Amino acid sequence: MSTQGLLIVLSGPSGAGKGTVCKALLKECPQIQYSISATTREPRVGEVHGKNYFFTKVEDFEEKIASKNFLEWAKVYDNYYGTPRDFVIENLKNGRDVILEIDVNGAKQVMENFPEGTFIFLLPPSLEELSNRIYKRGTDSKDVIKKRLASAEGEIEEMKNYNYAVLNDKVENAVEKIKAIIVAEKCKVNKIDVVKEGFKNDLPID
């Protein structure tokens, strides 16, 4: 069987519950490595380098952009954020599955830079429920919420570019479906490392 891990990319619109589902999945499957992002922002109280983020100087981050050392990156409010390619590849080569929880724009970049990943689109039960979830957060103004909802409609159209779609009606249901997807992916013929000649040699010959 394959000794290399899977890169699982969990994406979807803001408010779909990516973070909640990802945490629940990792609680049930602690063997999965959560992808740690690099950032140029200053550490907050209690944050640890290499655990919460890889805290990086701007010039170092920009050098890595130039040398294509990120699977995806973005600049948000004057700070860079990105997924280090080396960290992901090292874990995959060591046989560990890696999950990347990311927005739709970031997932597009990963599709281009690592198309062999497993891309899962997390759907809210409805746009109405998505609106309710964002309002309940209480972290955004009404104008920002309207923009997020308008953006969500366009993001849902990107679902056709993913390998799988999972409806997040209940967190536990979504987690079970993602676990089933991981099992199915590992059973794909192109993911199985069999030394064909050696396998054939073990077969009985009449």
Protein backbone atom coordinates (compact mmCIF):
# COMPACT_ATOMS: atom_id res chain seq x y z
CA MET A 1 0.00 0.00 0.00
CA SER A 2 1.03 3.64 -0.38
CA THR A 3 3.56 4.88 2.14
CA GLN A 4 2.99 8.54 1.25
CA GLY A 5 0.43 10.65 3.08
CA LEU A 6 -2.47 12.56 1.56
CA LEU A 7 -2.79 16.32 1.35
CA ILE A 8 -6.40 17.01 2.28
CA VAL A 9 -7.56 20.52 1.36
CA LEU A 10 -10.74 21.55 3.19
CA SER A 11 -12.24 24.68 1.69
CA GLY A 12 -15.50 26.55 1.29
CA PRO A 13 -17.15 29.91 1.93
CA SER A 14 -16.72 31.87 5.15
CA GLY A 15 -19.25 30.61 7.68
CA ALA A 16 -19.43 27.07 6.27
CA GLY A 17 -17.79 25.75 9.44
CA LYS A 18 -14.35 24.79 8.12
CA GLY A 19 -12.59 25.48 11.42
CA THR A 20 -15.14 23.64 13.54
CA VAL A 21 -15.17 20.58 11.27
CA CYS A 22 -11.38 20.54 11.03
CA LYS A 23 -10.97 20.63 14.83
CA ALA A 24 -13.50 17.82 15.26
CA LEU A 25 -11.74 15.72 12.61
CA LEU A 26 -8.34 16.23 14.24
CA LYS A 27 -9.78 15.27 17.63
CA GLU A 28 -10.96 11.95 16.20
CA CYS A 29 -7.89 11.48 13.98
CA PRO A 30 -4.87 12.89 15.86
CA GLN A 31 -2.55 11.15 13.40
CA ILE A 32 -3.47 13.78 10.79
CA GLN A 33 -1.10 16.75 10.75
CA TYR A 34 -2.70 20.19 10.65
CA SER A 35 -0.87 22.36 8.14
CA ILE A 36 0.94 25.19 9.94
CA SER A 37 0.99 28.51 8.08
CA ALA A 38 3.83 30.99 7.85
CA THR A 39 3.10 34.65 8.60
CA THR A 40 4.92 37.95 8.85
CA ARG A 41 2.69 39.33 11.60
CA GLU A 42 3.97 39.57 15.16
CA PRO A 43 3.17 36.68 17.53
CA ARG A 44 0.25 37.25 19.88
CA VAL A 45 0.41 36.39 23.56
CA GLY A 46 0.70 32.63 23.99
CA GLU A 47 1.46 31.86 20.34
CA VAL A 48 4.41 29.57 19.71
CA HIS A 49 6.64 29.47 16.63
CA GLY A 50 6.27 26.14 14.85
CA LYS A 51 3.02 25.33 16.63
CA ASN A 52 0.58 28.15 15.88
CA TYR A 53 2.51 29.69 12.98
CA PHE A 54 5.97 29.87 11.48
CA PHE A 55 6.73 33.51 12.26
CA THR A 56 8.82 34.88 9.41
CA LYS A 57 10.51 38.16 8.49
CA VAL A 58 9.03 40.00 5.51
CA GLU A 59 12.21 39.74 3.43
CA ASP A 60 12.44 35.99 4.07
CA PHE A 61 8.79 35.51 3.17
CA GLU A 62 9.20 37.45 -0.08
CA GLU A 63 12.28 35.39 -0.98
CA LYS A 64 10.23 32.23 -0.52
CA ILE A 65 7.48 33.64 -2.74
CA ALA A 66 10.06 34.29 -5.46
CA SER A 67 11.46 30.77 -5.17
CA LYS A 68 7.94 29.24 -5.15
CA ASN A 69 8.29 27.76 -1.68
CA PHE A 70 4.61 28.25 -0.83
CA LEU A 71 1.72 26.09 -1.98
CA GLU A 72 -0.39 29.24 -1.59
CA TRP A 73 0.02 32.68 -0.09
CA ALA A 74 -1.84 35.95 0.37
CA LYS A 75 -1.30 39.39 1.82
CA VAL A 76 -3.93 40.42 4.37
CA TYR A 77 -3.86 43.81 6.08
CA ASP A 78 -0.15 44.36 5.32
CA ASN A 79 0.84 40.91 6.60
CA TYR A 80 1.73 37.86 4.54
CA TYR A 81 0.27 34.40 5.17
CA GLY A 82 1.21 31.23 3.33
CA THR A 83 1.46 27.44 3.36
CA PRO A 84 5.11 26.30 3.36
CA ARG A 85 5.68 23.67 0.68
CA ASP A 86 8.61 22.05 2.54
CA PHE A 87 6.61 21.46 5.73
CA VAL A 88 3.78 19.78 3.82
CA ILE A 89 6.01 17.66 1.57
CA GLU A 90 8.17 16.46 4.47
CA ASN A 91 5.11 15.21 6.37
CA LEU A 92 3.66 13.54 3.27
CA LYS A 93 6.93 11.75 2.52
CA ASN A 94 6.99 10.49 6.11
CA GLY A 95 3.60 8.90 5.53
CA ARG A 96 1.56 11.42 7.48
CA ASP A 97 -1.68 12.86 6.12
CA VAL A 98 -1.82 16.67 6.18
CA ILE A 99 -4.99 18.77 6.29
CA LEU A 100 -5.09 22.32 5.04
CA GLU A 101 -8.09 24.44 6.05
CA ILE A 102 -8.28 27.36 3.65
CA ASP A 103 -10.48 29.76 1.70
CA VAL A 104 -11.47 29.23 -1.92
CA ASN A 105 -8.84 31.58 -3.36
CA GLY A 106 -6.09 29.78 -1.48
CA ALA A 107 -7.41 26.40 -2.61
CA LYS A 108 -7.16 27.55 -6.24
CA GLN A 109 -3.46 28.19 -5.77
CA VAL A 110 -2.94 24.77 -4.18
CA MET A 111 -4.77 23.14 -7.11
CA GLU A 112 -2.21 24.71 -9.43
CA ASN A 113 0.83 23.96 -7.29
CA PHE A 114 -0.14 20.54 -5.91
CA PRO A 115 -2.91 19.06 -8.11
CA GLU A 116 -2.47 15.59 -6.58
CA GLY A 117 -4.08 16.86 -3.38
CA THR A 118 -7.57 15.79 -2.29
CA PHE A 119 -9.86 18.82 -2.50
CA ILE A 120 -13.03 18.87 -0.38
CA PHE A 121 -15.60 21.65 -0.60
CA LEU A 122 -17.58 22.19 2.61
CA LEU A 123 -21.12 23.39 2.00
CA PRO A 124 -23.49 25.08 4.45
CA PRO A 125 -27.04 23.62 4.53
CA SER A 126 -28.31 26.79 2.80
CA LEU A 127 -27.41 30.43 2.20
CA GLU A 128 -29.96 31.33 4.89
CA GLU A 129 -28.15 29.13 7.40
CA LEU A 130 -24.82 30.58 6.26
CA SER A 131 -26.19 34.07 6.94
CA ASN A 132 -27.37 32.99 10.41
CA ARG A 133 -23.95 31.56 11.26
CA ILE A 134 -22.12 34.72 10.22
CA TYR A 135 -24.54 36.95 12.14
CA LYS A 136 -24.19 34.79 15.26
CA ARG A 137 -20.43 35.33 15.24
CA GLY A 138 -21.01 38.98 16.03
CA THR A 139 -17.57 39.91 14.71
CA ASP A 140 -18.53 41.70 11.50
CA SER A 141 -20.58 44.76 10.59
CA LYS A 142 -23.75 44.39 8.50
CA ASP A 143 -21.95 45.75 5.44
CA VAL A 144 -19.14 43.20 5.83
CA ILE A 145 -21.68 40.40 6.29
CA LYS A 146 -23.49 41.41 3.09
CA LYS A 147 -20.19 41.31 1.20
CA ARG A 148 -19.36 37.90 2.65
CA LEU A 149 -22.74 36.49 1.59
CA ALA A 150 -22.42 37.93 -1.90
CA SER A 151 -18.93 36.44 -2.13
CA ALA A 152 -20.19 33.07 -0.87
CA GLU A 153 -22.54 32.67 -3.83
CA GLY A 154 -19.62 33.05 -6.23
CA GLU A 155 -17.42 30.74 -4.15
CA ILE A 156 -20.03 27.98 -4.19
CA GLU A 157 -19.86 28.03 -8.00
CA GLU A 158 -16.20 26.97 -7.65
CA MET A 159 -17.33 23.66 -6.13
CA LYS A 160 -17.20 22.05 -9.58
CA ASN A 161 -13.39 22.23 -9.44
CA TYR A 162 -13.15 20.08 -6.29
CA ASN A 163 -12.94 16.31 -5.91
CA TYR A 164 -15.64 16.08 -3.26
CA ALA A 165 -18.46 18.13 -1.71
CA VAL A 166 -19.54 17.63 1.91
CA LEU A 167 -22.69 19.14 3.36
CA ASN A 168 -22.09 20.50 6.86
CA ASP A 169 -25.58 20.03 8.27
CA LYS A 170 -24.13 18.50 11.44
CA VAL A 171 -20.45 18.56 12.36
CA GLU A 172 -20.35 14.87 13.25
CA ASN A 173 -21.90 13.92 9.90
CA ALA A 174 -19.40 16.06 7.99
CA VAL A 175 -16.49 14.50 9.89
CA GLU A 176 -17.67 10.96 9.12
CA LYS A 177 -17.92 11.80 5.41
CA ILE A 178 -14.41 13.28 5.36
CA LYS A 179 -13.04 10.19 7.11
CA ALA A 180 -14.73 8.04 4.45
CA ILE A 181 -13.20 10.19 1.70
CA ILE A 182 -9.73 9.67 3.17
CA VAL A 183 -10.23 5.90 3.21
CA ALA A 184 -11.54 5.95 -0.38
CA GLU A 185 -8.60 8.05 -1.58
CA LYS A 186 -6.11 5.60 -0.09
CA CYS A 187 -7.82 2.74 -1.92
CA LYS A 188 -7.45 4.37 -5.34
CA VAL A 189 -5.29 2.30 -7.64
CA ASN A 190 -2.96 5.20 -8.41
CA LYS A 191 -2.31 5.63 -4.68
CA ILE A 192 -1.22 2.02 -4.14
CA ASP A 193 2.52 1.32 -4.28
CA VAL A 194 2.83 -2.28 -5.42
CA VAL A 195 6.04 -3.61 -6.90
CA LYS A 196 4.20 -5.27 -9.78
CA GLU A 197 6.88 -7.73 -10.78
CA GLY A 198 7.41 -8.85 -7.20
CA PHE A 199 3.65 -9.16 -6.72
CA LYS A 200 3.39 -11.25 -9.87
CA ASN A 201 6.24 -13.47 -8.76
CA ASP A 202 4.32 -14.35 -5.61
CA LEU A 203 1.36 -15.68 -7.62
CA PRO A 204 1.09 -19.47 -8.04
CA ILE A 205 1.94 -20.62 -11.57
CA ASP A 206 0.16 -23.62 -13.08
